[in-house]
Amino acid sequence: MIPFLKFKGNVDSLLFAAVGFIIIFLFTRHGGIGVEPDSVVYFSAAENLHTTGTLTDYMDKPLVEFPVFYPFFLTGISILTGLKPLIFTPILNALLFAVVIYLSGWIIERFLYKSIWYKRAILFCIVLSPCLLEVYSMMWSETLFILLVFLFIISLHSYFQSYSRKALIAVAL
């Protein structure tokens, strides 16, 4: 079993993650997900990839200057759910924010000197961080990138603990 899926001893992180999910869900429920020029490119590239199989933007030009993985990610979820990215992105971002909060708590739980009050204060600051609330209420690739950075840090730590081939492959992925 993946070690950060063990909820025992990390219930407070799970509660903060639920609060973070609710906050982003409520932020995006009223006005929808925030959209700006980059978001339009991500959305249109994901739509075009899903419908035509080409990675082109809203002007039918090849996607060259943006992170390509994010439109692929949106397309994959669009295929799984059958929904357009603008429809599922508010829930997706709320879920990504909740996972980032939970993983933050999981990482803090592994500190050498543990303090429950320190952990809760840090998680509280993450949940109410204006920067993170803005990022996760927009349709930006940073939402996924932050999560991938956390997963990289966790897998790198795992590799340095065991030096196993399996952990090295996880770091490489």
C-alpha atoms as a PDB file:
ATOM      1  CA  MET A   1       0.000   0.000   0.000  1.00  0.00           C
ATOM      2  CA  ILE A   2       1.200   3.515  -0.754  1.00  0.00           C
ATOM      3  CA  PRO A   3       2.439   4.949   2.572  1.00  0.00           C
ATOM      4  CA  PHE A   4       0.587   8.273   2.366  1.00  0.00           C
ATOM      5  CA  LEU A   5      -2.739   6.476   1.968  1.00  0.00           C
ATOM      6  CA  LYS A   6      -2.582   5.297   5.584  1.00  0.00           C
ATOM      7  CA  PHE A   7      -4.962   7.725   7.266  1.00  0.00           C
ATOM      8  CA  LYS A   8      -4.222   6.679  10.845  1.00  0.00           C
ATOM      9  CA  GLY A   9      -2.275   9.442  12.581  1.00  0.00           C
ATOM     10  CA  ASN A  10      -3.005  11.886   9.779  1.00  0.00           C
ATOM     11  CA  VAL A  11      -6.683  12.582  10.353  1.00  0.00           C
ATOM     12  CA  ASP A  12      -6.038  16.272  10.985  1.00  0.00           C
ATOM     13  CA  SER A  13      -4.481  16.580   7.507  1.00  0.00           C
ATOM     14  CA  LEU A  14      -7.550  14.895   6.074  1.00  0.00           C
ATOM     15  CA  LEU A  15      -9.813  17.407   7.848  1.00  0.00           C
ATOM     16  CA  PHE A  16      -7.758  20.382   6.606  1.00  0.00           C
ATOM     17  CA  ALA A  17      -7.843  18.867   3.106  1.00  0.00           C
ATOM     18  CA  ALA A  18     -11.638  18.652   3.295  1.00  0.00           C
ATOM     19  CA  VAL A  19     -11.823  22.307   4.364  1.00  0.00           C
ATOM     20  CA  GLY A  20      -9.524  23.278   1.478  1.00  0.00           C
ATOM     21  CA  PHE A  21     -11.711  21.327  -0.951  1.00  0.00           C
ATOM     22  CA  ILE A  22     -14.830  23.095   0.296  1.00  0.00           C
ATOM     23  CA  ILE A  23     -13.208  26.544   0.090  1.00  0.00           C
ATOM     24  CA  ILE A  24     -12.107  26.087  -3.530  1.00  0.00           C
ATOM     25  CA  PHE A  25     -15.443  24.526  -4.425  1.00  0.00           C
ATOM     26  CA  LEU A  26     -17.294  27.521  -2.956  1.00  0.00           C
ATOM     27  CA  PHE A  27     -14.916  30.028  -4.595  1.00  0.00           C
ATOM     28  CA  THR A  28     -15.505  28.507  -8.012  1.00  0.00           C
ATOM     29  CA  ARG A  29     -19.189  27.741  -7.530  1.00  0.00           C
ATOM     30  CA  HIS A  30     -20.335  31.337  -7.744  1.00  0.00           C
ATOM     31  CA  GLY A  31     -18.413  32.594 -10.768  1.00  0.00           C
ATOM     32  CA  GLY A  32     -16.929  29.406 -12.151  1.00  0.00           C
ATOM     33  CA  ILE A  33     -13.291  28.691 -12.657  1.00  0.00           C
ATOM     34  CA  GLY A  34     -11.063  31.668 -13.380  1.00  0.00           C
ATOM     35  CA  VAL A  35     -10.095  31.966 -17.015  1.00  0.00           C
ATOM     36  CA  GLU A  36      -7.330  34.056 -18.569  1.00  0.00           C
ATOM     37  CA  PRO A  37      -5.372  33.803 -21.861  1.00  0.00           C
ATOM     38  CA  ASP A  38      -3.303  30.776 -20.779  1.00  0.00           C
ATOM     39  CA  SER A  39      -6.462  29.022 -19.634  1.00  0.00           C
ATOM     40  CA  VAL A  40      -8.072  29.559 -23.019  1.00  0.00           C
ATOM     41  CA  VAL A  41      -5.094  27.888 -24.677  1.00  0.00           C
ATOM     42  CA  TYR A  42      -5.211  24.944 -22.228  1.00  0.00           C
ATOM     43  CA  PHE A  43      -8.959  24.552 -22.641  1.00  0.00           C
ATOM     44  CA  SER A  44      -8.933  24.808 -26.427  1.00  0.00           C
ATOM     45  CA  ALA A  45      -5.940  22.468 -26.774  1.00  0.00           C
ATOM     46  CA  ALA A  46      -7.650  19.881 -24.560  1.00  0.00           C
ATOM     47  CA  GLU A  47     -10.898  20.240 -26.515  1.00  0.00           C
ATOM     48  CA  ASN A  48      -9.132  19.941 -29.874  1.00  0.00           C
ATOM     49  CA  LEU A  49      -7.141  16.945 -28.691  1.00  0.00           C
ATOM     50  CA  HIS A  50     -10.333  15.257 -27.543  1.00  0.00           C
ATOM     51  CA  THR A  51     -12.406  16.036 -30.643  1.00  0.00           C
ATOM     52  CA  THR A  52      -9.906  16.105 -33.517  1.00  0.00           C
ATOM     53  CA  GLY A  53      -6.868  14.339 -32.079  1.00  0.00           C
ATOM     54  CA  THR A  54      -4.617  17.338 -32.770  1.00  0.00           C
ATOM     55  CA  LEU A  55      -2.812  19.396 -30.164  1.00  0.00           C
ATOM     56  CA  THR A  56      -3.805  22.828 -31.454  1.00  0.00           C
ATOM     57  CA  ASP A  57      -5.032  25.965 -29.723  1.00  0.00           C
ATOM     58  CA  TYR A  58      -8.177  28.023 -30.381  1.00  0.00           C
ATOM     59  CA  MET A  59      -6.667  29.447 -33.615  1.00  0.00           C
ATOM     60  CA  ASP A  60      -5.822  25.932 -34.902  1.00  0.00           C
ATOM     61  CA  LYS A  61      -2.109  26.598 -34.445  1.00  0.00           C
ATOM     62  CA  PRO A  62       0.093  23.899 -32.877  1.00  0.00           C
ATOM     63  CA  LEU A  63       0.587  24.176 -29.140  1.00  0.00           C
ATOM     64  CA  VAL A  64       4.263  25.041 -28.722  1.00  0.00           C
ATOM     65  CA  GLU A  65       4.850  27.458 -25.854  1.00  0.00           C
ATOM     66  CA  PHE A  66       2.722  26.041 -23.068  1.00  0.00           C
ATOM     67  CA  PRO A  67       3.171  22.973 -20.876  1.00  0.00           C
ATOM     68  CA  VAL A  68       1.873  20.150 -23.046  1.00  0.00           C
ATOM     69  CA  PHE A  69       1.153  17.752 -20.189  1.00  0.00           C
ATOM     70  CA  TYR A  70      -1.667  19.882 -18.738  1.00  0.00           C
ATOM     71  CA  PRO A  71      -3.850  19.736 -21.890  1.00  0.00           C
ATOM     72  CA  PHE A  72      -3.134  15.980 -22.077  1.00  0.00           C
ATOM     73  CA  PHE A  73      -4.204  15.682 -18.438  1.00  0.00           C
ATOM     74  CA  LEU A  74      -7.397  17.665 -19.079  1.00  0.00           C
ATOM     75  CA  THR A  75      -8.119  15.558 -22.161  1.00  0.00           C
ATOM     76  CA  GLY A  76      -7.683  12.347 -20.185  1.00  0.00           C
ATOM     77  CA  ILE A  77     -10.133  13.481 -17.543  1.00  0.00           C
ATOM     78  CA  SER A  78     -12.495  14.712 -20.238  1.00  0.00           C
ATOM     79  CA  ILE A  79     -12.436  11.266 -21.842  1.00  0.00           C
ATOM     80  CA  LEU A  80     -13.047   9.577 -18.472  1.00  0.00           C
ATOM     81  CA  THR A  81     -15.878  11.869 -17.383  1.00  0.00           C
ATOM     82  CA  GLY A  82     -17.381  12.855 -20.732  1.00  0.00           C
ATOM     83  CA  LEU A  83     -17.401  16.483 -19.562  1.00  0.00           C
ATOM     84  CA  LYS A  84     -15.730  19.564 -21.006  1.00  0.00           C
ATOM     85  CA  PRO A  85     -12.723  20.899 -19.051  1.00  0.00           C
ATOM     86  CA  LEU A  86     -14.507  24.090 -18.007  1.00  0.00           C
ATOM     87  CA  ILE A  87     -17.197  21.976 -16.365  1.00  0.00           C
ATOM     88  CA  PHE A  88     -14.996  19.635 -14.312  1.00  0.00           C
ATOM     89  CA  THR A  89     -12.033  21.938 -13.588  1.00  0.00           C
ATOM     90  CA  PRO A  90     -13.592  23.517 -10.443  1.00  0.00           C
ATOM     91  CA  ILE A  91     -13.975  20.075  -8.858  1.00  0.00           C
ATOM     92  CA  LEU A  92     -10.592  18.957 -10.204  1.00  0.00           C
ATOM     93  CA  ASN A  93      -8.835  21.997  -8.727  1.00  0.00           C
ATOM     94  CA  ALA A  94     -10.603  21.541  -5.391  1.00  0.00           C
ATOM     95  CA  LEU A  95      -9.479  17.919  -5.373  1.00  0.00           C
ATOM     96  CA  LEU A  96      -5.893  18.817  -6.340  1.00  0.00           C
ATOM     97  CA  PHE A  97      -5.807  21.453  -3.562  1.00  0.00           C
ATOM     98  CA  ALA A  98      -7.097  18.905  -1.041  1.00  0.00           C
ATOM     99  CA  VAL A  99      -4.428  16.405  -2.079  1.00  0.00           C
ATOM    100  CA  VAL A 100      -1.687  19.059  -1.775  1.00  0.00           C
ATOM    101  CA  ILE A 101      -2.896  19.923   1.730  1.00  0.00           C
ATOM    102  CA  TYR A 102      -3.027  16.262   2.729  1.00  0.00           C
ATOM    103  CA  LEU A 103       0.447  15.561   1.351  1.00  0.00           C
ATOM    104  CA  SER A 104       1.767  18.630   3.178  1.00  0.00           C
ATOM    105  CA  GLY A 105       0.474  17.186   6.429  1.00  0.00           C
ATOM    106  CA  TRP A 106       1.908  13.791   5.548  1.00  0.00           C
ATOM    107  CA  ILE A 107       5.338  15.338   4.928  1.00  0.00           C
ATOM    108  CA  ILE A 108       5.191  17.347   8.170  1.00  0.00           C
ATOM    109  CA  GLU A 109       4.264  14.160  10.039  1.00  0.00           C
ATOM    110  CA  ARG A 110       7.621  12.692   8.971  1.00  0.00           C
ATOM    111  CA  PHE A 111       9.685  15.542  10.452  1.00  0.00           C
ATOM    112  CA  LEU A 112      12.264  14.507  13.013  1.00  0.00           C
ATOM    113  CA  TYR A 113      10.779  16.698  15.734  1.00  0.00           C
ATOM    114  CA  LYS A 114       7.002  16.433  15.584  1.00  0.00           C
ATOM    115  CA  SER A 115       4.637  19.029  16.967  1.00  0.00           C
ATOM    116  CA  ILE A 116       0.913  18.692  16.419  1.00  0.00           C
ATOM    117  CA  TRP A 117       0.421  22.443  16.924  1.00  0.00           C
ATOM    118  CA  TYR A 118       3.121  23.290  14.397  1.00  0.00           C
ATOM    119  CA  LYS A 119       1.580  20.899  11.879  1.00  0.00           C
ATOM    120  CA  ARG A 120      -1.896  22.335  12.356  1.00  0.00           C
ATOM    121  CA  ALA A 121      -0.616  25.912  12.110  1.00  0.00           C
ATOM    122  CA  ILE A 122       1.181  25.159   8.840  1.00  0.00           C
ATOM    123  CA  LEU A 123      -1.865  23.370   7.413  1.00  0.00           C
ATOM    124  CA  PHE A 124      -4.075  26.287   8.492  1.00  0.00           C
ATOM    125  CA  CYS A 125      -1.745  28.701   6.687  1.00  0.00           C
ATOM    126  CA  ILE A 126      -1.790  26.541   3.553  1.00  0.00           C
ATOM    127  CA  VAL A 127      -5.590  26.319   3.544  1.00  0.00           C
ATOM    128  CA  LEU A 128      -5.960  30.092   3.884  1.00  0.00           C
ATOM    129  CA  SER A 129      -2.995  31.092   1.713  1.00  0.00           C
ATOM    130  CA  PRO A 130      -4.209  33.841  -0.652  1.00  0.00           C
ATOM    131  CA  CYS A 131      -1.678  32.763  -3.278  1.00  0.00           C
ATOM    132  CA  LEU A 132      -2.764  29.132  -3.285  1.00  0.00           C
ATOM    133  CA  LEU A 133      -6.442  30.072  -3.164  1.00  0.00           C
ATOM    134  CA  GLU A 134      -5.933  32.223  -6.256  1.00  0.00           C
ATOM    135  CA  VAL A 135      -3.975  29.531  -8.101  1.00  0.00           C
ATOM    136  CA  TYR A 136      -6.520  26.813  -7.354  1.00  0.00           C
ATOM    137  CA  SER A 137      -9.478  29.003  -8.310  1.00  0.00           C
ATOM    138  CA  MET A 138      -7.999  29.505 -11.800  1.00  0.00           C
ATOM    139  CA  MET A 139      -7.560  27.124 -14.717  1.00  0.00           C
ATOM    140  CA  TRP A 140      -3.773  27.075 -14.576  1.00  0.00           C
ATOM    141  CA  SER A 141      -1.209  24.347 -15.039  1.00  0.00           C
ATOM    142  CA  GLU A 142       0.349  25.294 -11.695  1.00  0.00           C
ATOM    143  CA  THR A 143      -2.426  23.389  -9.931  1.00  0.00           C
ATOM    144  CA  LEU A 144      -1.106  20.113 -11.285  1.00  0.00           C
ATOM    145  CA  PHE A 145       2.553  21.176 -11.168  1.00  0.00           C
ATOM    146  CA  ILE A 146       2.429  21.842  -7.403  1.00  0.00           C
ATOM    147  CA  LEU A 147       1.019  18.368  -6.803  1.00  0.00           C
ATOM    148  CA  LEU A 148       3.663  16.785  -9.035  1.00  0.00           C
ATOM    149  CA  VAL A 149       6.416  18.616  -7.124  1.00  0.00           C
ATOM    150  CA  PHE A 150       5.078  17.207  -3.858  1.00  0.00           C
ATOM    151  CA  LEU A 151       4.965  13.700  -5.318  1.00  0.00           C
ATOM    152  CA  PHE A 152       8.525  14.142  -6.606  1.00  0.00           C
ATOM    153  CA  ILE A 153       9.749  15.208  -3.151  1.00  0.00           C
ATOM    154  CA  ILE A 154       8.040  12.216  -1.536  1.00  0.00           C
ATOM    155  CA  SER A 155       9.413   9.759  -4.083  1.00  0.00           C
ATOM    156  CA  LEU A 156      12.897  11.274  -3.838  1.00  0.00           C
ATOM    157  CA  HIS A 157      12.788  10.903  -0.047  1.00  0.00           C
ATOM    158  CA  SER A 158      11.701   7.303  -0.478  1.00  0.00           C
ATOM    159  CA  TYR A 159      14.606   6.680  -2.848  1.00  0.00           C
ATOM    160  CA  PHE A 160      17.130   8.193  -0.428  1.00  0.00           C
ATOM    161  CA  GLN A 161      15.793   5.930   2.320  1.00  0.00           C
ATOM    162  CA  SER A 162      16.048   2.681   0.364  1.00  0.00           C
ATOM    163  CA  TYR A 163      18.122   3.244  -2.799  1.00  0.00           C
ATOM    164  CA  SER A 164      15.927   0.631  -4.458  1.00  0.00           C
ATOM    165  CA  ARG A 165      15.396   0.370  -8.192  1.00  0.00           C
ATOM    166  CA  LYS A 166      11.626   0.648  -7.683  1.00  0.00           C
ATOM    167  CA  ALA A 167      12.023   3.953  -5.819  1.00  0.00           C
ATOM    168  CA  LEU A 168      14.403   5.234  -8.519  1.00  0.00           C
ATOM    169  CA  ILE A 169      11.844   4.470 -11.227  1.00  0.00           C
ATOM    170  CA  ALA A 170       9.213   6.350  -9.199  1.00  0.00           C
ATOM    171  CA  VAL A 171      11.542   9.367  -9.025  1.00  0.00           C
ATOM    172  CA  ALA A 172      12.193   9.179 -12.765  1.00  0.00           C
ATOM    173  CA  LEU A 173       8.479   9.067 -13.534  1.00  0.00           C
END
